[in-house]
């Protein structure tokens, strides 16, 4: 999975993509990340979009769950 940082409309976001399992599992992961980080976000086009720059925290959570995560950009 890839964890990258972008700015859209001047605001920072973190994008997670590259998941190869079922969509429903990826949606559950998105919900869990948003809850654990207490931030907003969405799931669309096979990407989890989290508001804010939380790459380090998200990567720690995903590694805890056993995912192989690569940091892209910055």
N, C-alpha and C. Protein backbone atom coordinates (compact mmCIF):
# COMPACT_ATOMS: atom_id res chain seq x y z
N UNK A 1 0.84 -1.18 0.00
CA UNK A 1 0.00 0.00 0.00
C UNK A 1 0.88 1.24 0.00
N UNK A 2 0.36 2.29 -0.56
CA UNK A 2 1.11 3.54 -0.68
C UNK A 2 0.41 4.61 0.16
N UNK A 3 1.20 5.36 0.92
CA UNK A 3 0.69 6.45 1.75
C UNK A 3 1.35 7.73 1.26
N UNK A 4 0.55 8.65 0.69
CA UNK A 4 1.16 9.87 0.16
C UNK A 4 0.41 11.12 0.64
N UNK A 5 1.09 12.25 0.49
CA UNK A 5 0.62 13.53 0.98
C UNK A 5 0.39 14.45 -0.21
N UNK A 6 -0.73 15.17 -0.19
CA UNK A 6 -1.03 16.14 -1.24
C UNK A 6 -1.68 17.35 -0.62
N UNK A 7 -1.75 18.42 -1.39
CA UNK A 7 -2.53 19.57 -0.97
C UNK A 7 -3.61 19.79 -2.02
N UNK A 8 -4.83 19.87 -1.54
CA UNK A 8 -5.95 20.15 -2.44
C UNK A 8 -6.67 21.37 -1.92
N UNK A 9 -6.82 22.35 -2.79
CA UNK A 9 -7.45 23.62 -2.42
C UNK A 9 -6.75 24.24 -1.21
N UNK A 10 -5.43 24.07 -1.15
CA UNK A 10 -4.64 24.67 -0.09
C UNK A 10 -4.64 23.91 1.22
N UNK A 11 -5.36 22.81 1.30
CA UNK A 11 -5.44 22.04 2.54
C UNK A 11 -4.73 20.71 2.39
N UNK A 12 -4.01 20.28 3.44
CA UNK A 12 -3.27 19.02 3.36
C UNK A 12 -4.19 17.80 3.49
N UNK A 13 -3.90 16.77 2.71
CA UNK A 13 -4.61 15.49 2.83
C UNK A 13 -3.61 14.35 2.72
N UNK A 14 -3.98 13.22 3.29
CA UNK A 14 -3.17 12.01 3.19
C UNK A 14 -3.98 11.00 2.39
N UNK A 15 -3.36 10.40 1.38
CA UNK A 15 -4.04 9.43 0.52
C UNK A 15 -3.41 8.06 0.70
N UNK A 16 -4.26 7.06 0.90
CA UNK A 16 -3.80 5.67 1.02
C UNK A 16 -4.40 4.91 -0.15
N UNK A 17 -3.55 4.23 -0.92
CA UNK A 17 -4.04 3.47 -2.07
C UNK A 17 -3.18 2.23 -2.26
N UNK A 18 -3.62 1.36 -3.15
CA UNK A 18 -2.85 0.17 -3.46
C UNK A 18 -3.32 -1.07 -2.72
N UNK A 19 -4.53 -1.03 -2.14
CA UNK A 19 -5.07 -2.19 -1.43
C UNK A 19 -5.63 -3.18 -2.44
N UNK A 20 -5.34 -4.47 -2.27
CA UNK A 20 -5.76 -5.46 -3.26
C UNK A 20 -6.84 -6.41 -2.76
N UNK A 21 -7.42 -6.14 -1.60
CA UNK A 21 -8.47 -7.01 -1.06
C UNK A 21 -9.86 -6.54 -1.44
N UNK A 22 -10.85 -6.96 -0.65
CA UNK A 22 -12.24 -6.60 -0.91
C UNK A 22 -12.50 -5.14 -0.56
N UNK A 23 -13.38 -4.50 -1.34
CA UNK A 23 -13.74 -3.10 -1.09
C UNK A 23 -14.30 -2.89 0.30
N UNK A 24 -15.12 -3.84 0.76
CA UNK A 24 -15.77 -3.68 2.07
C UNK A 24 -14.72 -3.64 3.19
N UNK A 25 -13.64 -4.44 3.05
CA UNK A 25 -12.57 -4.42 4.05
C UNK A 25 -11.83 -3.09 4.03
N UNK A 26 -11.63 -2.54 2.85
CA UNK A 26 -10.93 -1.25 2.71
C UNK A 26 -11.78 -0.14 3.32
N UNK A 27 -13.10 -0.22 3.15
CA UNK A 27 -14.00 0.78 3.74
C UNK A 27 -13.97 0.69 5.26
N UNK A 28 -13.92 -0.53 5.80
CA UNK A 28 -13.82 -0.69 7.26
C UNK A 28 -12.52 -0.10 7.77
N UNK A 29 -11.44 -0.30 7.03
CA UNK A 29 -10.14 0.25 7.40
C UNK A 29 -10.21 1.79 7.40
N UNK A 30 -10.88 2.36 6.39
CA UNK A 30 -11.02 3.82 6.32
C UNK A 30 -11.76 4.33 7.54
N UNK A 31 -12.84 3.65 7.91
CA UNK A 31 -13.63 4.07 9.07
C UNK A 31 -12.80 3.99 10.35
N UNK A 32 -12.03 2.91 10.49
CA UNK A 32 -11.21 2.74 11.69
C UNK A 32 -10.12 3.82 11.78
N UNK A 33 -9.49 4.13 10.66
CA UNK A 33 -8.46 5.17 10.66
C UNK A 33 -9.04 6.52 11.06
N UNK A 34 -10.20 6.85 10.49
CA UNK A 34 -10.83 8.13 10.80
C UNK A 34 -11.20 8.21 12.28
N UNK A 35 -11.68 7.09 12.84
CA UNK A 35 -12.07 7.06 14.25
C UNK A 35 -10.85 7.18 15.15
N UNK A 36 -9.80 6.40 14.87
CA UNK A 36 -8.60 6.41 15.72
C UNK A 36 -7.87 7.74 15.68
N UNK A 37 -7.91 8.43 14.54
CA UNK A 37 -7.21 9.70 14.41
C UNK A 37 -8.11 10.89 14.71
N UNK A 38 -9.42 10.64 14.87
CA UNK A 38 -10.42 11.70 15.12
C UNK A 38 -10.38 12.78 14.05
N UNK A 39 -10.40 12.35 12.79
CA UNK A 39 -10.37 13.29 11.67
C UNK A 39 -11.44 12.89 10.65
N UNK A 40 -11.69 13.79 9.72
CA UNK A 40 -12.62 13.50 8.64
C UNK A 40 -11.89 12.86 7.48
N UNK A 41 -12.67 12.32 6.57
CA UNK A 41 -12.08 11.71 5.39
C UNK A 41 -13.14 11.01 4.58
N UNK A 42 -12.72 10.33 3.53
CA UNK A 42 -13.67 9.63 2.68
C UNK A 42 -12.99 8.46 1.99
N UNK A 43 -13.82 7.65 1.34
CA UNK A 43 -13.34 6.51 0.56
C UNK A 43 -13.95 6.63 -0.82
N UNK A 44 -13.12 6.81 -1.83
CA UNK A 44 -13.63 6.81 -3.21
C UNK A 44 -12.52 6.48 -4.18
N UNK A 45 -12.90 5.92 -5.30
CA UNK A 45 -11.95 5.52 -6.36
C UNK A 45 -10.82 4.64 -5.83
N UNK A 46 -11.17 3.69 -4.95
CA UNK A 46 -10.19 2.77 -4.36
C UNK A 46 -9.08 3.50 -3.61
N UNK A 47 -9.40 4.65 -3.02
CA UNK A 47 -8.46 5.41 -2.21
C UNK A 47 -9.12 5.81 -0.91
N UNK A 48 -8.34 5.83 0.17
CA UNK A 48 -8.81 6.42 1.42
C UNK A 48 -8.19 7.80 1.49
N UNK A 49 -9.03 8.82 1.67
CA UNK A 49 -8.55 10.19 1.75
C UNK A 49 -8.81 10.69 3.17
N UNK A 50 -7.73 11.03 3.88
CA UNK A 50 -7.81 11.51 5.26
C UNK A 50 -7.44 12.98 5.28
N UNK A 51 -8.23 13.80 5.95
CA UNK A 51 -7.94 15.23 6.03
C UNK A 51 -6.79 15.48 6.99
N UNK A 52 -5.75 16.15 6.50
CA UNK A 52 -4.59 16.46 7.32
C UNK A 52 -3.40 15.58 6.97
N UNK A 53 -2.23 15.95 7.48
CA UNK A 53 -1.00 15.20 7.22
C UNK A 53 -0.75 14.25 8.39
N UNK A 54 -1.23 13.02 8.26
CA UNK A 54 -1.10 12.01 9.31
C UNK A 54 -0.32 10.80 8.81
N UNK A 55 0.60 11.00 7.88
CA UNK A 55 1.30 9.86 7.28
C UNK A 55 1.97 8.96 8.30
N UNK A 56 2.70 9.56 9.25
CA UNK A 56 3.45 8.74 10.22
C UNK A 56 2.51 7.91 11.09
N UNK A 57 1.45 8.54 11.59
CA UNK A 57 0.50 7.82 12.45
C UNK A 57 -0.23 6.73 11.67
N UNK A 58 -0.63 7.04 10.45
CA UNK A 58 -1.34 6.07 9.62
C UNK A 58 -0.42 4.89 9.29
N UNK A 59 0.83 5.18 8.96
CA UNK A 59 1.77 4.09 8.64
C UNK A 59 1.99 3.19 9.85
N UNK A 60 2.07 3.78 11.04
CA UNK A 60 2.21 2.97 12.26
C UNK A 60 1.01 2.06 12.46
N UNK A 61 -0.19 2.60 12.28
CA UNK A 61 -1.43 1.81 12.45
C UNK A 61 -1.47 0.68 11.43
N UNK A 62 -1.13 0.97 10.17
CA UNK A 62 -1.18 -0.05 9.12
C UNK A 62 -0.12 -1.14 9.35
N UNK A 63 1.06 -0.75 9.81
CA UNK A 63 2.10 -1.74 10.10
C UNK A 63 1.69 -2.63 11.26
N UNK A 64 1.00 -2.04 12.24
CA UNK A 64 0.45 -2.80 13.37
C UNK A 64 -0.48 -3.90 12.87
N UNK A 65 -1.24 -3.59 11.83
CA UNK A 65 -2.21 -4.52 11.27
C UNK A 65 -1.57 -5.51 10.30
N UNK A 66 -0.28 -5.34 10.04
CA UNK A 66 0.42 -6.31 9.19
C UNK A 66 0.50 -5.92 7.72
N UNK A 67 0.18 -4.69 7.37
CA UNK A 67 0.28 -4.24 5.98
C UNK A 67 1.70 -3.81 5.67
N UNK A 68 2.09 -3.97 4.42
CA UNK A 68 3.37 -3.49 3.95
C UNK A 68 3.13 -2.10 3.37
N UNK A 69 3.67 -1.05 4.00
CA UNK A 69 3.35 0.32 3.63
C UNK A 69 4.59 1.04 3.12
N UNK A 70 4.40 1.82 2.04
CA UNK A 70 5.49 2.60 1.46
C UNK A 70 5.10 4.06 1.51
N UNK A 71 6.04 4.90 1.96
CA UNK A 71 5.77 6.34 2.03
C UNK A 71 6.21 6.98 0.72
N UNK A 72 5.34 7.81 0.15
CA UNK A 72 5.64 8.45 -1.12
C UNK A 72 5.57 9.97 -0.94
N UNK A 73 6.56 10.69 -1.42
CA UNK A 73 6.56 12.15 -1.36
C UNK A 73 6.90 12.69 0.01
N UNK A 74 7.67 13.75 0.05
CA UNK A 74 8.01 14.44 1.30
C UNK A 74 8.82 13.62 2.21
